[in-house]
Amino acid sequence: MIIIAIIGLIVGIVLGLYLPVSYPAALSLYISVAILASLDSVFGGFRASLENKFDTEIFVTGFFSNAILAAFLAYIGDKLGVPLYYAAVFAFGGRLFQNFATIRRHLINRIHHESAHESQNNN
């Protein structure tokens, strides 16, 4: 499972570096908020995978619906003259850091558990 994610990441980086994709500056706010929402979904999926709770259907629907909702909020706020994109930035940014902290703790605990298990086997 993790190998597929790493291969996908490498393919995405290579495509991003070699394909000249550009968009108008007017869309940069919407795209940046959508990317933040997508990153939140990716970190949430990684966290769920570490906790053995990963569900592909939930991940895929959350990935796209979060990105679309965040971009839509930014668009509506832009049309109303109200910076609604701040709501998406705070919500997804906060969850992103929370998921990252949980992932970090989980990986540290796993490393400590494995090293303690190895030291018991060596004795």
PDB file of N, CA and C in Angstrom:
ATOM      1  N   MET A   1       0.830  -1.200   0.000  1.00  0.00           N
ATOM      2  CA  MET A   1       0.000   0.000   0.000  1.00  0.00           C
ATOM      3  C   MET A   1       0.868   1.256   0.000  1.00  0.00           C
ATOM      4  N   ILE A   2       1.874   1.292   0.839  1.00  0.00           N
ATOM      5  CA  ILE A   2       2.720   2.478   0.930  1.00  0.00           C
ATOM      6  C   ILE A   2       3.550   2.633  -0.341  1.00  0.00           C
ATOM      7  N   ILE A   3       3.890   1.509  -0.989  1.00  0.00           N
ATOM      8  CA  ILE A   3       4.678   1.559  -2.227  1.00  0.00           C
ATOM      9  C   ILE A   3       3.865   2.251  -3.322  1.00  0.00           C
ATOM     10  N   ILE A   4       2.574   1.960  -3.384  1.00  0.00           N
ATOM     11  CA  ILE A   4       1.708   2.597  -4.385  1.00  0.00           C
ATOM     12  C   ILE A   4       1.673   4.104  -4.156  1.00  0.00           C
ATOM     13  N   ALA A   5       1.589   4.513  -2.902  1.00  0.00           N
ATOM     14  CA  ALA A   5       1.563   5.943  -2.585  1.00  0.00           C
ATOM     15  C   ALA A   5       2.877   6.612  -2.971  1.00  0.00           C
ATOM     16  N   ILE A   6       3.991   5.954  -2.711  1.00  0.00           N
ATOM     17  CA  ILE A   6       5.297   6.527  -3.050  1.00  0.00           C
ATOM     18  C   ILE A   6       5.461   6.625  -4.566  1.00  0.00           C
ATOM     19  N   ILE A   7       5.042   5.584  -5.288  1.00  0.00           N
ATOM     20  CA  ILE A   7       5.113   5.620  -6.753  1.00  0.00           C
ATOM     21  C   ILE A   7       4.231   6.747  -7.293  1.00  0.00           C
ATOM     22  N   GLY A   8       3.029   6.888  -6.752  1.00  0.00           N
ATOM     23  CA  GLY A   8       2.137   7.966  -7.170  1.00  0.00           C
ATOM     24  C   GLY A   8       2.728   9.335  -6.896  1.00  0.00           C
ATOM     25  N   LEU A   9       3.385   9.478  -5.754  1.00  0.00           N
ATOM     26  CA  LEU A   9       4.023  10.746  -5.410  1.00  0.00           C
ATOM     27  C   LEU A   9       5.148  11.063  -6.384  1.00  0.00           C
ATOM     28  N   ILE A  10       5.971  10.078  -6.699  1.00  0.00           N
ATOM     29  CA  ILE A  10       7.081  10.291  -7.629  1.00  0.00           C
ATOM     30  C   ILE A  10       6.556  10.644  -9.023  1.00  0.00           C
ATOM     31  N   VAL A  11       5.550   9.910  -9.495  1.00  0.00           N
ATOM     32  CA  VAL A  11       4.969  10.200 -10.811  1.00  0.00           C
ATOM     33  C   VAL A  11       4.376  11.609 -10.827  1.00  0.00           C
ATOM     34  N   GLY A  12       3.687  11.986  -9.767  1.00  0.00           N
ATOM     35  CA  GLY A  12       3.107  13.324  -9.692  1.00  0.00           C
ATOM     36  C   GLY A  12       4.151  14.421  -9.700  1.00  0.00           C
ATOM     37  N   ILE A  13       5.243  14.219  -8.979  1.00  0.00           N
ATOM     38  CA  ILE A  13       6.317  15.220  -8.953  1.00  0.00           C
ATOM     39  C   ILE A  13       6.965  15.344 -10.331  1.00  0.00           C
ATOM     40  N   VAL A  14       7.250  14.203 -10.962  1.00  0.00           N
ATOM     41  CA  VAL A  14       7.870  14.232 -12.295  1.00  0.00           C
ATOM     42  C   VAL A  14       6.949  14.923 -13.302  1.00  0.00           C
ATOM     43  N   LEU A  15       5.669  14.575 -13.295  1.00  0.00           N
ATOM     44  CA  LEU A  15       4.723  15.228 -14.207  1.00  0.00           C
ATOM     45  C   LEU A  15       4.633  16.725 -13.928  1.00  0.00           C
ATOM     46  N   GLY A  16       4.612  17.086 -12.661  1.00  0.00           N
ATOM     47  CA  GLY A  16       4.531  18.495 -12.302  1.00  0.00           C
ATOM     48  C   GLY A  16       5.746  19.295 -12.729  1.00  0.00           C
ATOM     49  N   LEU A  17       6.908  18.654 -12.716  1.00  0.00           N
ATOM     50  CA  LEU A  17       8.129  19.351 -13.114  1.00  0.00           C
ATOM     51  C   LEU A  17       8.267  19.494 -14.631  1.00  0.00           C
ATOM     52  N   TYR A  18       7.773  18.516 -15.374  1.00  0.00           N
ATOM     53  CA  TYR A  18       8.008  18.506 -16.815  1.00  0.00           C
ATOM     54  C   TYR A  18       6.824  18.951 -17.664  1.00  0.00           C
ATOM     55  N   LEU A  19       5.644  19.034 -17.119  1.00  0.00           N
ATOM     56  CA  LEU A  19       4.498  19.524 -17.881  1.00  0.00           C
ATOM     57  C   LEU A  19       4.275  20.999 -17.546  1.00  0.00           C
ATOM     58  N   PRO A  20       4.300  21.856 -18.543  1.00  0.00           N
ATOM     59  CA  PRO A  20       4.137  23.292 -18.279  1.00  0.00           C
ATOM     60  C   PRO A  20       2.668  23.661 -18.058  1.00  0.00           C
ATOM     61  N   VAL A  21       2.201  23.493 -16.846  1.00  0.00           N
ATOM     62  CA  VAL A  21       0.823  23.830 -16.513  1.00  0.00           C
ATOM     63  C   VAL A  21       0.815  25.217 -15.886  1.00  0.00           C
ATOM     64  N   SER A  22       0.015  26.094 -16.459  1.00  0.00           N
ATOM     65  CA  SER A  22      -0.108  27.433 -15.890  1.00  0.00           C
ATOM     66  C   SER A  22      -1.583  27.791 -15.792  1.00  0.00           C
ATOM     67  N   TYR A  23      -1.874  28.722 -14.937  1.00  0.00           N
ATOM     68  CA  TYR A  23      -3.242  29.185 -14.751  1.00  0.00           C
ATOM     69  C   TYR A  23      -3.192  30.682 -14.472  1.00  0.00           C
ATOM     70  N   PRO A  24      -4.292  31.370 -14.717  1.00  0.00           N
ATOM     71  CA  PRO A  24      -4.314  32.821 -14.500  1.00  0.00           C
ATOM     72  C   PRO A  24      -4.112  33.171 -13.024  1.00  0.00           C
ATOM     73  N   ALA A  25      -3.500  34.299 -12.792  1.00  0.00           N
ATOM     74  CA  ALA A  25      -3.236  34.748 -11.426  1.00  0.00           C
ATOM     75  C   ALA A  25      -4.528  34.944 -10.639  1.00  0.00           C
ATOM     76  N   ALA A  26      -5.617  35.238 -11.329  1.00  0.00           N
ATOM     77  CA  ALA A  26      -6.900  35.444 -10.652  1.00  0.00           C
ATOM     78  C   ALA A  26      -7.395  34.170  -9.979  1.00  0.00           C
ATOM     79  N   LEU A  27      -6.946  33.010 -10.452  1.00  0.00           N
ATOM     80  CA  LEU A  27      -7.381  31.734  -9.870  1.00  0.00           C
ATOM     81  C   LEU A  27      -6.456  31.233  -8.766  1.00  0.00           C
ATOM     82  N   SER A  28      -5.375  31.943  -8.507  1.00  0.00           N
ATOM     83  CA  SER A  28      -4.382  31.444  -7.551  1.00  0.00           C
ATOM     84  C   SER A  28      -4.958  31.261  -6.148  1.00  0.00           C
ATOM     85  N   LEU A  29      -5.849  32.139  -5.722  1.00  0.00           N
ATOM     86  CA  LEU A  29      -6.462  32.005  -4.397  1.00  0.00           C
ATOM     87  C   LEU A  29      -7.285  30.725  -4.308  1.00  0.00           C
ATOM     88  N   TYR A  30      -8.098  30.468  -5.319  1.00  0.00           N
ATOM     89  CA  TYR A  30      -8.959  29.283  -5.311  1.00  0.00           C
ATOM     90  C   TYR A  30      -8.132  27.996  -5.375  1.00  0.00           C
ATOM     91  N   ILE A  31      -7.118  28.004  -6.203  1.00  0.00           N
ATOM     92  CA  ILE A  31      -6.283  26.810  -6.345  1.00  0.00           C
ATOM     93  C   ILE A  31      -5.486  26.553  -5.076  1.00  0.00           C
ATOM     94  N   SER A  32      -4.964  27.605  -4.459  1.00  0.00           N
ATOM     95  CA  SER A  32      -4.183  27.400  -3.235  1.00  0.00           C
ATOM     96  C   SER A  32      -5.051  26.856  -2.104  1.00  0.00           C
ATOM     97  N   VAL A  33      -6.273  27.335  -1.986  1.00  0.00           N
ATOM     98  CA  VAL A  33      -7.174  26.826  -0.949  1.00  0.00           C
ATOM     99  C   VAL A  33      -7.572  25.383  -1.258  1.00  0.00           C
ATOM    100  N   ALA A  34      -7.797  25.073  -2.530  1.00  0.00           N
ATOM    101  CA  ALA A  34      -8.132  23.696  -2.912  1.00  0.00           C
ATOM    102  C   ALA A  34      -6.961  22.756  -2.645  1.00  0.00           C
ATOM    103  N   ILE A  35      -5.737  23.214  -2.902  1.00  0.00           N
ATOM    104  CA  ILE A  35      -4.558  22.388  -2.615  1.00  0.00           C
ATOM    105  C   ILE A  35      -4.423  22.157  -1.119  1.00  0.00           C
ATOM    106  N   LEU A  36      -4.668  23.183  -0.320  1.00  0.00           N
ATOM    107  CA  LEU A  36      -4.609  23.017   1.135  1.00  0.00           C
ATOM    108  C   LEU A  36      -5.629  21.990   1.606  1.00  0.00           C
ATOM    109  N   ALA A  37      -6.835  22.053   1.073  1.00  0.00           N
ATOM    110  CA  ALA A  37      -7.869  21.082   1.437  1.00  0.00           C
ATOM    111  C   ALA A  37      -7.479  19.675   0.996  1.00  0.00           C
ATOM    112  N   SER A  38      -6.870  19.560  -0.175  1.00  0.00           N
ATOM    113  CA  SER A  38      -6.432  18.249  -0.656  1.00  0.00           C
ATOM    114  C   SER A  38      -5.313  17.695   0.212  1.00  0.00           C
ATOM    115  N   LEU A  39      -4.379  18.545   0.616  1.00  0.00           N
ATOM    116  CA  LEU A  39      -3.308  18.102   1.513  1.00  0.00           C
ATOM    117  C   LEU A  39      -3.871  17.627   2.846  1.00  0.00           C
ATOM    118  N   ASP A  40      -4.897  18.313   3.326  1.00  0.00           N
ATOM    119  CA  ASP A  40      -5.550  17.872   4.559  1.00  0.00           C
ATOM    120  C   ASP A  40      -6.099  16.464   4.391  1.00  0.00           C
ATOM    121  N   SER A  41      -6.706  16.195   3.257  1.00  0.00           N
ATOM    122  CA  SER A  41      -7.244  14.856   3.002  1.00  0.00           C
ATOM    123  C   SER A  41      -6.137  13.816   2.907  1.00  0.00           C
ATOM    124  N   VAL A  42      -5.021  14.173   2.283  1.00  0.00           N
ATOM    125  CA  VAL A  42      -3.902  13.234   2.157  1.00  0.00           C
ATOM    126  C   VAL A  42      -3.334  12.895   3.530  1.00  0.00           C
ATOM    127  N   PHE A  43      -3.101  13.913   4.355  1.00  0.00           N
ATOM    128  CA  PHE A  43      -2.583  13.653   5.702  1.00  0.00           C
ATOM    129  C   PHE A  43      -3.596  12.880   6.536  1.00  0.00           C
ATOM    130  N   GLY A  44      -4.882  13.187   6.367  1.00  0.00           N
ATOM    131  CA  GLY A  44      -5.917  12.433   7.075  1.00  0.00           C
ATOM    132  C   GLY A  44      -5.951  10.981   6.640  1.00  0.00           C
ATOM    133  N   GLY A  45      -5.763  10.738   5.343  1.00  0.00           N
ATOM    134  CA  GLY A  45      -5.713   9.368   4.842  1.00  0.00           C
ATOM    135  C   GLY A  45      -4.500   8.618   5.356  1.00  0.00           C
ATOM    136  N   PHE A  46      -3.362   9.300   5.416  1.00  0.00           N
ATOM    137  CA  PHE A  46      -2.149   8.671   5.945  1.00  0.00           C
ATOM    138  C   PHE A  46      -2.325   8.333   7.426  1.00  0.00           C
ATOM    139  N   ARG A  47      -2.934   9.259   8.154  1.00  0.00           N
ATOM    140  CA  ARG A  47      -3.204   9.014   9.574  1.00  0.00           C
ATOM    141  C   ARG A  47      -4.142   7.818   9.738  1.00  0.00           C
ATOM    142  N   ALA A  48      -5.198   7.777   8.953  1.00  0.00           N
ATOM    143  CA  ALA A  48      -6.144   6.658   9.028  1.00  0.00           C
ATOM    144  C   ALA A  48      -5.461   5.344   8.672  1.00  0.00           C
ATOM    145  N   SER A  49      -4.545   5.391   7.717  1.00  0.00           N
ATOM    146  CA  SER A  49      -3.807   4.184   7.341  1.00  0.00           C
ATOM    147  C   SER A  49      -2.944   3.694   8.496  1.00  0.00           C
ATOM    148  N   LEU A  50      -2.286   4.601   9.187  1.00  0.00           N
ATOM    149  CA  LEU A  50      -1.460   4.212  10.334  1.00  0.00           C
ATOM    150  C   LEU A  50      -2.300   3.641  11.469  1.00  0.00           C
ATOM    151  N   GLU A  51      -3.540   4.107  11.580  1.00  0.00           N
ATOM    152  CA  GLU A  51      -4.438   3.632  12.635  1.00  0.00           C
ATOM    153  C   GLU A  51      -5.284   2.448  12.178  1.00  0.00           C
ATOM    154  N   ASN A  52      -4.997   1.922  10.983  1.00  0.00           N
ATOM    155  CA  ASN A  52      -5.741   0.797  10.394  1.00  0.00           C
ATOM    156  C   ASN A  52      -7.235   1.089  10.261  1.00  0.00           C
ATOM    157  N   LYS A  53      -7.565   2.330   9.911  1.00  0.00           N
ATOM    158  CA  LYS A  53      -8.956   2.743   9.733  1.00  0.00           C
ATOM    159  C   LYS A  53      -9.200   3.304   8.336  1.00  0.00           C
ATOM    160  N   PHE A  54      -8.258   3.100   7.416  1.00  0.00           N
ATOM    161  CA  PHE A  54      -8.349   3.711   6.091  1.00  0.00           C
ATOM    162  C   PHE A  54      -9.481   3.096   5.282  1.00  0.00           C
ATOM    163  N   ASP A  55     -10.271   3.958   4.650  1.00  0.00           N
ATOM    164  CA  ASP A  55     -11.354   3.538   3.766  1.00  0.00           C
ATOM    165  C   ASP A  55     -11.203   4.325   2.464  1.00  0.00           C
ATOM    166  N   THR A  56     -10.986   3.628   1.366  1.00  0.00           N
ATOM    167  CA  THR A  56     -10.727   4.278   0.084  1.00  0.00           C
ATOM    168  C   THR A  56     -11.874   5.183  -0.344  1.00  0.00           C
ATOM    169  N   GLU A  57     -13.104   4.723  -0.154  1.00  0.00           N
ATOM    170  CA  GLU A  57     -14.263   5.517  -0.566  1.00  0.00           C
ATOM    171  C   GLU A  57     -14.335   6.831   0.207  1.00  0.00           C
ATOM    172  N   ILE A  58     -14.102   6.773   1.495  1.00  0.00           N
ATOM    173  CA  ILE A  58     -14.117   7.990   2.312  1.00  0.00           C
ATOM    174  C   ILE A  58     -12.984   8.918   1.899  1.00  0.00           C
ATOM    175  N   PHE A  59     -11.804   8.342   1.635  1.00  0.00           N
ATOM    176  CA  PHE A  59     -10.662   9.164   1.237  1.00  0.00           C
ATOM    177  C   PHE A  59     -10.922   9.890  -0.083  1.00  0.00           C
ATOM    178  N   VAL A  60     -11.362   9.162  -1.087  1.00  0.00           N
ATOM    179  CA  VAL A  60     -11.556   9.759  -2.416  1.00  0.00           C
ATOM    180  C   VAL A  60     -12.662  10.810  -2.388  1.00  0.00           C
ATOM    181  N   THR A  61     -13.785  10.489  -1.757  1.00  0.00           N
ATOM    182  CA  THR A  61     -14.869  11.479  -1.698  1.00  0.00           C
ATOM    183  C   THR A  61     -14.461  12.688  -0.868  1.00  0.00           C
ATOM    184  N   GLY A  62     -13.749  12.469   0.223  1.00  0.00           N
ATOM    185  CA  GLY A  62     -13.284  13.584   1.044  1.00  0.00           C
ATOM    186  C   GLY A  62     -12.269  14.446   0.316  1.00  0.00           C
ATOM    187  N   PHE A  63     -11.383  13.807  -0.422  1.00  0.00           N
ATOM    188  CA  PHE A  63     -10.353  14.531  -1.176  1.00  0.00           C
ATOM    189  C   PHE A  63     -10.991  15.529  -2.136  1.00  0.00           C
ATOM    190  N   PHE A  64     -11.908  15.045  -2.955  1.00  0.00           N
ATOM    191  CA  PHE A  64     -12.511  15.920  -3.962  1.00  0.00           C
ATOM    192  C   PHE A  64     -13.537  16.879  -3.368  1.00  0.00           C
ATOM    193  N   SER A  65     -14.354  16.406  -2.434  1.00  0.00           N
ATOM    194  CA  SER A  65     -15.377  17.295  -1.875  1.00  0.00           C
ATOM    195  C   SER A  65     -14.750  18.406  -1.040  1.00  0.00           C
ATOM    196  N   ASN A  66     -13.691  18.109  -0.289  1.00  0.00           N
ATOM    197  CA  ASN A  66     -13.017  19.161   0.483  1.00  0.00           C
ATOM    198  C   ASN A  66     -12.399  20.207  -0.439  1.00  0.00           C
ATOM    199  N   ALA A  67     -11.747  19.760  -1.507  1.00  0.00           N
ATOM    200  CA  ALA A  67     -11.121  20.700  -2.441  1.00  0.00           C
ATOM    201  C   ALA A  67     -12.173  21.570  -3.123  1.00  0.00           C
ATOM    202  N   ILE A  68     -13.254  20.955  -3.562  1.00  0.00           N
ATOM    203  CA  ILE A  68     -14.311  21.709  -4.245  1.00  0.00           C
ATOM    204  C   ILE A  68     -14.994  22.674  -3.280  1.00  0.00           C
ATOM    205  N   LEU A  69     -15.285  22.216  -2.071  1.00  0.00           N
ATOM    206  CA  LEU A  69     -15.930  23.082  -1.086  1.00  0.00           C
ATOM    207  C   LEU A  69     -15.041  24.266  -0.717  1.00  0.00           C
ATOM    208  N   ALA A  70     -13.757  24.019  -0.526  1.00  0.00           N
ATOM    209  CA  ALA A  70     -12.846  25.107  -0.170  1.00  0.00           C
ATOM    210  C   ALA A  70     -12.752  26.134  -1.296  1.00  0.00           C
ATOM    211  N   ALA A  71     -12.612  25.665  -2.533  1.00  0.00           N
ATOM    212  CA  ALA A  71     -12.543  26.591  -3.664  1.00  0.00           C
ATOM    213  C   ALA A  71     -13.863  27.345  -3.829  1.00  0.00           C
ATOM    214  N   PHE A  72     -14.981  26.658  -3.606  1.00  0.00           N
ATOM    215  CA  PHE A  72     -16.292  27.297  -3.716  1.00  0.00           C
ATOM    216  C   PHE A  72     -16.467  28.371  -2.640  1.00  0.00           C
ATOM    217  N   LEU A  73     -16.039  28.077  -1.412  1.00  0.00           N
ATOM    218  CA  LEU A  73     -16.099  29.085  -0.344  1.00  0.00           C
ATOM    219  C   LEU A  73     -15.273  30.313  -0.714  1.00  0.00           C
ATOM    220  N   ALA A  74     -14.091  30.088  -1.239  1.00  0.00           N
ATOM    221  CA  ALA A  74     -13.243  31.206  -1.635  1.00  0.00           C
ATOM    222  C   ALA A  74     -13.899  32.005  -2.758  1.00  0.00           C
ATOM    223  N   TYR A  75     -14.522  31.324  -3.702  1.00  0.00           N
ATOM    224  CA  TYR A  75     -15.187  31.996  -4.825  1.00  0.00           C
ATOM    225  C   TYR A  75     -16.374  32.829  -4.342  1.00  0.00           C
ATOM    226  N   ILE A  76     -17.230  32.223  -3.520  1.00  0.00           N
ATOM    227  CA  ILE A  76     -18.404  32.944  -3.002  1.00  0.00           C
ATOM    228  C   ILE A  76     -17.961  34.147  -2.172  1.00  0.00           C
ATOM    229  N   GLY A  77     -16.965  33.942  -1.332  1.00  0.00           N
ATOM    230  CA  GLY A  77     -16.452  35.048  -0.534  1.00  0.00           C
ATOM    231  C   GLY A  77     -15.895  36.162  -1.397  1.00  0.00           C
ATOM    232  N   ASP A  78     -15.219  35.790  -2.472  1.00  0.00           N
ATOM    233  CA  ASP A  78     -14.671  36.780  -3.393  1.00  0.00           C
ATOM    234  C   ASP A  78     -15.788  37.587  -4.044  1.00  0.00           C
ATOM    235  N   LYS A  79     -16.856  36.924  -4.444  1.00  0.00           N
ATOM    236  CA  LYS A  79     -17.985  37.613  -5.075  1.00  0.00           C
ATOM    237  C   LYS A  79     -18.736  38.501  -4.084  1.00  0.00           C
ATOM    238  N   LEU A  80     -18.789  38.079  -2.813  1.00  0.00           N
ATOM    239  CA  LEU A  80     -19.476  38.878  -1.795  1.00  0.00           C
ATOM    240  C   LEU A  80     -18.584  39.960  -1.196  1.00  0.00           C
ATOM    241  N   GLY A  81     -17.294  39.896  -1.476  1.00  0.00           N
ATOM    242  CA  GLY A  81     -16.363  40.859  -0.899  1.00  0.00           C
ATOM    243  C   GLY A  81     -15.984  40.526   0.531  1.00  0.00           C
ATOM    244  N   VAL A  82     -16.202  39.282   0.929  1.00  0.00           N
ATOM    245  CA  VAL A  82     -15.878  38.818   2.278  1.00  0.00           C
ATOM    246  C   VAL A  82     -14.812  37.725   2.147  1.00  0.00           C
ATOM    247  N   PRO A  83     -13.728  37.828   2.873  1.00  0.00           N
ATOM    248  CA  PRO A  83     -12.671  36.814   2.736  1.00  0.00           C
ATOM    249  C   PRO A  83     -13.035  35.483   3.404  1.00  0.00           C
ATOM    250  N   LEU A  84     -13.969  34.754   2.807  1.00  0.00           N
ATOM    251  CA  LEU A  84     -14.392  33.463   3.360  1.00  0.00           C
ATOM    252  C   LEU A  84     -13.307  32.397   3.249  1.00  0.00           C
ATOM    253  N   TYR A  85     -12.321  32.635   2.400  1.00  0.00           N
ATOM    254  CA  TYR A  85     -11.254  31.646   2.270  1.00  0.00           C
ATOM    255  C   TYR A  85     -10.483  31.487   3.576  1.00  0.00           C
ATOM    256  N   TYR A  86     -10.556  32.498   4.441  1.00  0.00           N
ATOM    257  CA  TYR A  86      -9.911  32.365   5.758  1.00  0.00           C
ATOM    258  C   TYR A  86     -10.500  31.198   6.543  1.00  0.00           C
ATOM    259  N   ALA A  87     -11.803  30.984   6.404  1.00  0.00           N
ATOM    260  CA  ALA A  87     -12.440  29.860   7.105  1.00  0.00           C
ATOM    261  C   ALA A  87     -11.832  28.543   6.651  1.00  0.00           C
ATOM    262  N   ALA A  88     -11.640  28.391   5.348  1.00  0.00           N
ATOM    263  CA  ALA A  88     -11.032  27.164   4.825  1.00  0.00           C
ATOM    264  C   ALA A  88      -9.579  27.050   5.260  1.00  0.00           C
ATOM    265  N   VAL A  89      -8.852  28.150   5.231  1.00  0.00           N
ATOM    266  CA  VAL A  89      -7.442  28.120   5.635  1.00  0.00           C
ATOM    267  C   VAL A  89      -7.315  27.731   7.098  1.00  0.00           C
ATOM    268  N   PHE A  90      -8.133  28.302   7.968  1.00  0.00           N
ATOM    269  CA  PHE A  90      -8.054  27.959   9.388  1.00  0.00           C
ATOM    270  C   PHE A  90      -8.501  26.524   9.649  1.00  0.00           C
ATOM    271  N   ALA A  91      -9.596  26.115   9.031  1.00  0.00           N
ATOM    272  CA  ALA A  91     -10.111  24.759   9.268  1.00  0.00           C
ATOM    273  C   ALA A  91      -9.147  23.701   8.744  1.00  0.00           C
ATOM    274  N   PHE A  92      -8.781  23.810   7.478  1.00  0.00           N
ATOM    275  CA  PHE A  92      -7.917  22.790   6.889  1.00  0.00           C
ATOM    276  C   PHE A  92      -6.484  22.903   7.401  1.00  0.00           C
ATOM    277  N   GLY A  93      -6.018  24.120   7.620  1.00  0.00           N
ATOM    278  CA  GLY A  93      -4.673  24.296   8.171  1.00  0.00           C
ATOM    279  C   GLY A  93      -4.560  23.725   9.573  1.00  0.00           C
ATOM    280  N   GLY A  94      -5.566  23.979  10.398  1.00  0.00           N
ATOM    281  CA  GLY A  94      -5.562  23.417  11.758  1.00  0.00           C
ATOM    282  C   GLY A  94      -5.588  21.904  11.749  1.00  0.00           C
ATOM    283  N   ARG A  95      -6.438  21.332  10.906  1.00  0.00           N
ATOM    284  CA  ARG A  95      -6.507  19.863  10.819  1.00  0.00           C
ATOM    285  C   ARG A  95      -5.228  19.280  10.241  1.00  0.00           C
ATOM    286  N   LEU A  96      -4.616  19.994   9.322  1.00  0.00           N
ATOM    287  CA  LEU A  96      -3.367  19.532   8.730  1.00  0.00           C
ATOM    288  C   LEU A  96      -2.287  19.401   9.801  1.00  0.00           C
ATOM    289  N   PHE A  97      -2.143  20.417  10.636  1.00  0.00           N
ATOM    290  CA  PHE A  97      -1.154  20.356  11.710  1.00  0.00           C
ATOM    291  C   PHE A  97      -1.522  19.307  12.756  1.00  0.00           C
ATOM    292  N   GLN A  98      -2.803  19.167  13.047  1.00  0.00           N
ATOM    293  CA  GLN A  98      -3.243  18.154  14.004  1.00  0.00           C
ATOM    294  C   GLN A  98      -2.952  16.749  13.475  1.00  0.00           C
ATOM    295  N   ASN A  99      -3.267  16.500  12.212  1.00  0.00           N
ATOM    296  CA  ASN A  99      -2.973  15.196  11.615  1.00  0.00           C
ATOM    297  C   ASN A  99      -1.475  14.934  11.575  1.00  0.00           C
ATOM    298  N   PHE A 100      -0.693  15.952  11.233  1.00  0.00           N
ATOM    299  CA  PHE A 100       0.756  15.781  11.190  1.00  0.00           C
ATOM    300  C   PHE A 100       1.310  15.437  12.568  1.00  0.00           C
ATOM    301  N   ALA A 101       0.802  16.099  13.609  1.00  0.00           N
ATOM    302  CA  ALA A 101       1.256  15.800  14.972  1.00  0.00           C
ATOM    303  C   ALA A 101       0.889  14.375  15.370  1.00  0.00           C
ATOM    304  N   THR A 102      -0.305  13.941  15.017  1.00  0.00           N
ATOM    305  CA  THR A 102      -0.728  12.571  15.332  1.00  0.00           C
ATOM    306  C   THR A 102       0.119  11.554  14.577  1.00  0.00           C
ATOM    307  N   ILE A 103       0.399  11.821  13.312  1.00  0.00           N
ATOM    308  CA  ILE A 103       1.247  10.926  12.516  1.00  0.00           C
ATOM    309  C   ILE A 103       2.641  10.846  13.132  1.00  0.00           C
ATOM    310  N   ARG A 104       3.188  11.981  13.498  1.00  0.00           N
ATOM    311  CA  ARG A 104       4.518  12.021  14.103  1.00  0.00           C
ATOM    312  C   ARG A 104       4.557  11.207  15.387  1.00  0.00           C
ATOM    313  N   ARG A 105       3.564  11.403  16.260  1.00  0.00           N
ATOM    314  CA  ARG A 105       3.509  10.636  17.519  1.00  0.00           C
ATOM    315  C   ARG A 105       3.375   9.146  17.257  1.00  0.00           C
ATOM    316  N   HIS A 106       2.542   8.797  16.291  1.00  0.00           N
ATOM    317  CA  HIS A 106       2.329   7.386  15.977  1.00  0.00           C
ATOM    318  C   HIS A 106       3.623   6.742  15.468  1.00  0.00           C
ATOM    319  N   LEU A 107       4.339   7.441  14.583  1.00  0.00           N
ATOM    320  CA  LEU A 107       5.587   6.899  14.052  1.00  0.00           C
ATOM    321  C   LEU A 107       6.668   6.809  15.126  1.00  0.00           C
ATOM    322  N   ILE A 108       6.745   7.801  15.994  1.00  0.00           N
ATOM    323  CA  ILE A 108       7.725   7.759  17.088  1.00  0.00           C
ATOM    324  C   ILE A 108       7.418   6.607  18.025  1.00  0.00           C
ATOM    325  N   ASN A 109       6.147   6.425  18.371  1.00  0.00           N
ATOM    326  CA  ASN A 109       5.768   5.301  19.237  1.00  0.00           C
ATOM    327  C   ASN A 109       6.083   3.965  18.577  1.00  0.00           C
ATOM    328  N   ARG A 110       5.852   3.871  17.281  1.00  0.00           N
ATOM    329  CA  ARG A 110       6.148   2.626  16.560  1.00  0.00           C
ATOM    330  C   ARG A 110       7.649   2.344  16.578  1.00  0.00           C
ATOM    331  N   ILE A 111       8.470   3.375  16.368  1.00  0.00           N
ATOM    332  CA  ILE A 111       9.924   3.196  16.381  1.00  0.00           C
ATOM    333  C   ILE A 111      10.395   2.774  17.763  1.00  0.00           C
ATOM    334  N   HIS A 112       9.873   3.427  18.805  1.00  0.00           N
ATOM    335  CA  HIS A 112      10.256   3.061  20.177  1.00  0.00           C
ATOM    336  C   HIS A 112       9.810   1.647  20.509  1.00  0.00           C
ATOM    337  N   HIS A 113       8.621   1.273  20.062  1.00  0.00           N
ATOM    338  CA  HIS A 113       8.104  -0.071  20.331  1.00  0.00           C
ATOM    339  C   HIS A 113       8.961  -1.121  19.630  1.00  0.00           C
ATOM    340  N   GLU A 114       9.337  -0.859  18.376  1.00  0.00           N
ATOM    341  CA  GLU A 114      10.160  -1.815  17.634  1.00  0.00           C
ATOM    342  C   GLU A 114      11.553  -1.934  18.227  1.00  0.00           C
ATOM    343  N   SER A 115      12.143  -0.805  18.654  1.00  0.00           N
ATOM    344  CA  SER A 115      13.484  -0.872  19.242  1.00  0.00           C
ATOM    345  C   SER A 115      13.448  -1.571  20.597  1.00  0.00           C
ATOM    346  N   ALA A 116      12.382  -1.384  21.367  1.00  0.00           N
ATOM    347  CA  ALA A 116      12.255  -2.086  22.650  1.00  0.00           C
ATOM    348  C   ALA A 116      12.063  -3.577  22.416  1.00  0.00           C
ATOM    349  N   HIS A 117      11.302  -3.927  21.382  1.00  0.00           N
ATOM    350  CA  HIS A 117      11.072  -5.336  21.052  1.00  0.00           C
ATOM    351  C   HIS A 117      12.371  -6.000  20.591  1.00  0.00           C
ATOM    352  N   GLU A 118      13.179  -5.293  19.804  1.00  0.00           N
ATOM    353  CA  GLU A 118      14.459  -5.839  19.341  1.00  0.00           C
ATOM    354  C   GLU A 118      15.433  -6.022  20.494  1.00  0.00           C
ATOM    355  N   SER A 119      15.450  -5.077  21.431  1.00  0.00           N
ATOM    356  CA  SER A 119      16.369  -5.207  22.568  1.00  0.00           C
ATOM    357  C   SER A 119      15.961  -6.368  23.472  1.00  0.00           C
ATOM    358  N   GLN A 120      14.666  -6.662  23.570  1.00  0.00           N
ATOM    359  CA  GLN A 120      14.222  -7.819  24.357  1.00  0.00           C
ATOM    360  C   GLN A 120      14.620  -9.117  23.673  1.00  0.00           C
ATOM    361  N   ASN A 121      14.569  -9.148  22.345  1.00  0.00           N
ATOM    362  CA  ASN A 121      14.952 -10.351  21.607  1.00  0.00           C
ATOM    363  C   ASN A 121      16.450 -10.601  21.667  1.00  0.00           C
ATOM    364  N   ASN A 122      17.243  -9.547  21.796  1.00  0.00           N
ATOM    365  CA  ASN A 122      18.696  -9.700  21.875  1.00  0.00           C
ATOM    366  C   ASN A 122      19.140 -10.209  23.239  1.00  0.00           C
ATOM    367  N   ASN A 123      18.327 -10.047  24.254  1.00  0.00           N
ATOM    368  CA  ASN A 123      18.693 -10.500  25.611  1.00  0.00           C
ATOM    369  C   ASN A 123      18.331 -11.903  25.763  1.00  0.00           C
TER     370      ASN A 123
END
